[in-house]
Amino acid sequence: MQIKTNELIEILKNSRTHSLERIKALELNLFKYKQANTKPPQRLTERITTHKERIETIKTLEDELKHSGNEVCKF
């Protein structure tokens, strides 16, 4: 399977945007727990961490694709 590098970069940008939106939503939930002076579920903080790690991975992939100079990526 082949895909143009620019198209793959766009897909990665969309994935990064989705993760950023999820982090905002999850942090809003975390804020509500803190306002109520209750301990948030561990799963909530784990999901925030997971999305932050995904963003870092996506940024790395985007940089590698931009500097690769390839017009097409093969899978």
N, C-alpha and C. Protein backbone atom coordinates (compact mmCIF):
# COMPACT_ATOMS: atom_id res chain seq x y z
N MET A 1 0.85 -1.17 0.00
CA MET A 1 0.00 0.00 0.00
C MET A 1 0.89 1.23 0.00
N GLN A 2 0.51 2.23 -0.77
CA GLN A 2 1.26 3.47 -0.83
C GLN A 2 0.36 4.64 -0.49
N ILE A 3 0.95 5.65 0.13
CA ILE A 3 0.22 6.86 0.45
C ILE A 3 1.19 8.03 0.31
N LYS A 4 0.69 9.14 -0.18
CA LYS A 4 1.54 10.32 -0.33
C LYS A 4 1.95 10.82 1.05
N THR A 5 3.18 11.30 1.13
CA THR A 5 3.71 11.77 2.41
C THR A 5 2.87 12.92 2.97
N ASN A 6 2.44 13.83 2.10
CA ASN A 6 1.63 14.97 2.56
C ASN A 6 0.30 14.51 3.16
N GLU A 7 -0.29 13.48 2.54
CA GLU A 7 -1.55 12.94 3.05
C GLU A 7 -1.35 12.28 4.41
N LEU A 8 -0.23 11.57 4.55
CA LEU A 8 0.07 10.93 5.82
C LEU A 8 0.31 11.97 6.91
N ILE A 9 0.98 13.05 6.57
CA ILE A 9 1.21 14.13 7.54
C ILE A 9 -0.13 14.73 7.97
N GLU A 10 -1.06 14.89 7.01
CA GLU A 10 -2.40 15.42 7.36
C GLU A 10 -3.12 14.48 8.31
N ILE A 11 -3.02 13.19 8.07
CA ILE A 11 -3.66 12.21 8.96
C ILE A 11 -3.07 12.31 10.36
N LEU A 12 -1.76 12.45 10.43
CA LEU A 12 -1.10 12.59 11.73
C LEU A 12 -1.52 13.87 12.44
N LYS A 13 -1.67 14.96 11.69
CA LYS A 13 -2.12 16.22 12.28
C LYS A 13 -3.53 16.06 12.86
N ASN A 14 -4.39 15.36 12.12
CA ASN A 14 -5.76 15.14 12.60
C ASN A 14 -5.75 14.29 13.88
N SER A 15 -4.88 13.30 13.92
CA SER A 15 -4.77 12.45 15.12
C SER A 15 -4.27 13.27 16.30
N ARG A 16 -3.29 14.15 16.04
CA ARG A 16 -2.75 15.00 17.10
C ARG A 16 -3.84 15.94 17.63
N THR A 17 -4.61 16.52 16.71
CA THR A 17 -5.70 17.42 17.11
C THR A 17 -6.72 16.68 17.96
N HIS A 18 -7.05 15.45 17.56
CA HIS A 18 -8.01 14.65 18.32
C HIS A 18 -7.49 14.40 19.74
N SER A 19 -6.22 14.05 19.85
CA SER A 19 -5.64 13.79 21.18
C SER A 19 -5.63 15.05 22.03
N LEU A 20 -5.33 16.20 21.42
CA LEU A 20 -5.35 17.46 22.16
C LEU A 20 -6.75 17.77 22.69
N GLU A 21 -7.75 17.51 21.86
CA GLU A 21 -9.14 17.73 22.30
C GLU A 21 -9.52 16.78 23.42
N ARG A 22 -9.08 15.54 23.34
CA ARG A 22 -9.36 14.56 24.40
C ARG A 22 -8.69 14.99 25.71
N ILE A 23 -7.47 15.48 25.61
CA ILE A 23 -6.77 15.95 26.82
C ILE A 23 -7.54 17.08 27.46
N LYS A 24 -8.02 18.03 26.66
CA LYS A 24 -8.79 19.16 27.21
C LYS A 24 -10.04 18.65 27.94
N ALA A 25 -10.74 17.71 27.31
CA ALA A 25 -11.96 17.17 27.92
C ALA A 25 -11.64 16.41 29.21
N LEU A 26 -10.59 15.61 29.18
CA LEU A 26 -10.22 14.84 30.36
C LEU A 26 -9.73 15.74 31.50
N GLU A 27 -9.00 16.79 31.14
CA GLU A 27 -8.53 17.73 32.17
C GLU A 27 -9.70 18.51 32.76
N LEU A 28 -10.73 18.75 31.98
CA LEU A 28 -11.93 19.39 32.51
C LEU A 28 -12.58 18.48 33.55
N ASN A 29 -12.67 17.19 33.25
CA ASN A 29 -13.21 16.23 34.22
C ASN A 29 -12.35 16.18 35.48
N LEU A 30 -11.04 16.21 35.29
CA LEU A 30 -10.11 16.21 36.42
C LEU A 30 -10.32 17.44 37.29
N PHE A 31 -10.53 18.59 36.65
CA PHE A 31 -10.78 19.83 37.38
C PHE A 31 -12.06 19.73 38.21
N LYS A 32 -13.08 19.09 37.66
CA LYS A 32 -14.34 18.93 38.40
C LYS A 32 -14.14 18.08 39.65
N TYR A 33 -13.33 17.03 39.53
CA TYR A 33 -13.02 16.22 40.72
C TYR A 33 -12.30 17.04 41.77
N LYS A 34 -11.36 17.88 41.33
CA LYS A 34 -10.60 18.69 42.27
C LYS A 34 -11.49 19.74 42.94
N GLN A 35 -12.45 20.29 42.19
CA GLN A 35 -13.39 21.25 42.76
C GLN A 35 -14.24 20.61 43.85
N ALA A 36 -14.60 19.38 43.65
CA ALA A 36 -15.45 18.67 44.60
C ALA A 36 -14.63 18.06 45.74
N ASN A 37 -13.31 18.31 45.72
CA ASN A 37 -12.40 17.78 46.73
C ASN A 37 -12.49 16.26 46.85
N THR A 38 -12.61 15.61 45.70
CA THR A 38 -12.61 14.15 45.69
C THR A 38 -11.44 13.67 44.84
N LYS A 39 -11.01 12.48 45.12
CA LYS A 39 -9.89 11.92 44.39
C LYS A 39 -10.37 11.41 43.04
N PRO A 40 -9.72 11.86 41.95
CA PRO A 40 -10.14 11.40 40.63
C PRO A 40 -9.74 9.94 40.43
N PRO A 41 -10.47 9.23 39.59
CA PRO A 41 -10.09 7.84 39.31
C PRO A 41 -8.71 7.79 38.65
N GLN A 42 -7.96 6.78 38.98
CA GLN A 42 -6.62 6.64 38.42
C GLN A 42 -6.68 6.51 36.91
N ARG A 43 -7.72 5.89 36.42
CA ARG A 43 -7.90 5.70 34.98
C ARG A 43 -7.91 7.05 34.25
N LEU A 44 -8.48 8.07 34.87
CA LEU A 44 -8.57 9.40 34.26
C LEU A 44 -7.17 9.98 34.04
N THR A 45 -6.34 9.92 35.05
CA THR A 45 -4.99 10.46 34.92
C THR A 45 -4.15 9.61 33.97
N GLU A 46 -4.40 8.32 33.94
CA GLU A 46 -3.68 7.44 33.00
C GLU A 46 -4.03 7.78 31.56
N ARG A 47 -5.29 8.07 31.31
CA ARG A 47 -5.72 8.41 29.95
C ARG A 47 -5.10 9.73 29.49
N ILE A 48 -5.01 10.69 30.40
CA ILE A 48 -4.37 11.97 30.06
C ILE A 48 -2.91 11.73 29.68
N THR A 49 -2.23 10.93 30.48
CA THR A 49 -0.83 10.61 30.22
C THR A 49 -0.67 9.88 28.88
N THR A 50 -1.56 8.95 28.61
CA THR A 50 -1.50 8.19 27.36
C THR A 50 -1.64 9.12 26.15
N HIS A 51 -2.59 10.04 26.22
CA HIS A 51 -2.79 10.97 25.10
C HIS A 51 -1.58 11.88 24.93
N LYS A 52 -0.97 12.31 26.02
CA LYS A 52 0.23 13.15 25.92
C LYS A 52 1.38 12.39 25.28
N GLU A 53 1.50 11.11 25.60
CA GLU A 53 2.54 10.28 24.97
C GLU A 53 2.27 10.11 23.48
N ARG A 54 1.01 9.95 23.12
CA ARG A 54 0.64 9.81 21.70
C ARG A 54 1.02 11.07 20.93
N ILE A 55 0.77 12.22 21.54
CA ILE A 55 1.10 13.48 20.88
C ILE A 55 2.59 13.57 20.61
N GLU A 56 3.41 13.19 21.57
CA GLU A 56 4.86 13.21 21.38
C GLU A 56 5.28 12.26 20.26
N THR A 57 4.68 11.08 20.21
CA THR A 57 4.98 10.12 19.16
C THR A 57 4.59 10.67 17.79
N ILE A 58 3.42 11.26 17.71
CA ILE A 58 2.94 11.83 16.45
C ILE A 58 3.85 12.96 16.00
N LYS A 59 4.28 13.82 16.92
CA LYS A 59 5.20 14.91 16.55
C LYS A 59 6.49 14.36 15.97
N THR A 60 7.00 13.31 16.60
CA THR A 60 8.24 12.68 16.11
C THR A 60 8.05 12.13 14.70
N LEU A 61 6.93 11.44 14.48
CA LEU A 61 6.64 10.90 13.15
C LEU A 61 6.50 12.00 12.10
N GLU A 62 5.81 13.09 12.47
CA GLU A 62 5.65 14.20 11.54
C GLU A 62 7.00 14.79 11.15
N ASP A 63 7.87 14.99 12.14
CA ASP A 63 9.20 15.54 11.86
C ASP A 63 10.00 14.62 10.95
N GLU A 64 9.95 13.33 11.21
CA GLU A 64 10.68 12.38 10.39
C GLU A 64 10.16 12.38 8.95
N LEU A 65 8.85 12.47 8.79
CA LEU A 65 8.28 12.50 7.44
C LEU A 65 8.64 13.79 6.71
N LYS A 66 8.61 14.91 7.41
CA LYS A 66 8.94 16.19 6.78
C LYS A 66 10.38 16.22 6.30
N HIS A 67 11.28 15.60 7.05
CA HIS A 67 12.70 15.64 6.72
C HIS A 67 13.14 14.46 5.86
N SER A 68 12.25 13.54 5.57
CA SER A 68 12.63 12.36 4.79
C SER A 68 12.82 12.69 3.30
N GLY A 69 12.04 13.60 2.79
CA GLY A 69 12.15 13.96 1.38
C GLY A 69 11.44 12.99 0.45
N ASN A 70 10.81 11.96 0.99
CA ASN A 70 10.09 11.00 0.16
C ASN A 70 8.73 11.57 -0.24
N GLU A 71 8.33 11.31 -1.47
CA GLU A 71 7.03 11.77 -1.93
C GLU A 71 5.94 10.77 -1.58
N VAL A 72 6.34 9.49 -1.48
CA VAL A 72 5.38 8.41 -1.21
C VAL A 72 5.92 7.53 -0.11
N CYS A 73 5.03 7.09 0.78
CA CYS A 73 5.41 6.16 1.84
C CYS A 73 4.77 4.81 1.52
N LYS A 74 5.55 3.73 1.71
CA LYS A 74 5.04 2.39 1.44
C LYS A 74 4.84 1.66 2.76
N PHE A 75 3.77 0.87 2.80
CA PHE A 75 3.47 0.06 3.98
C PHE A 75 3.49 -1.39 3.60
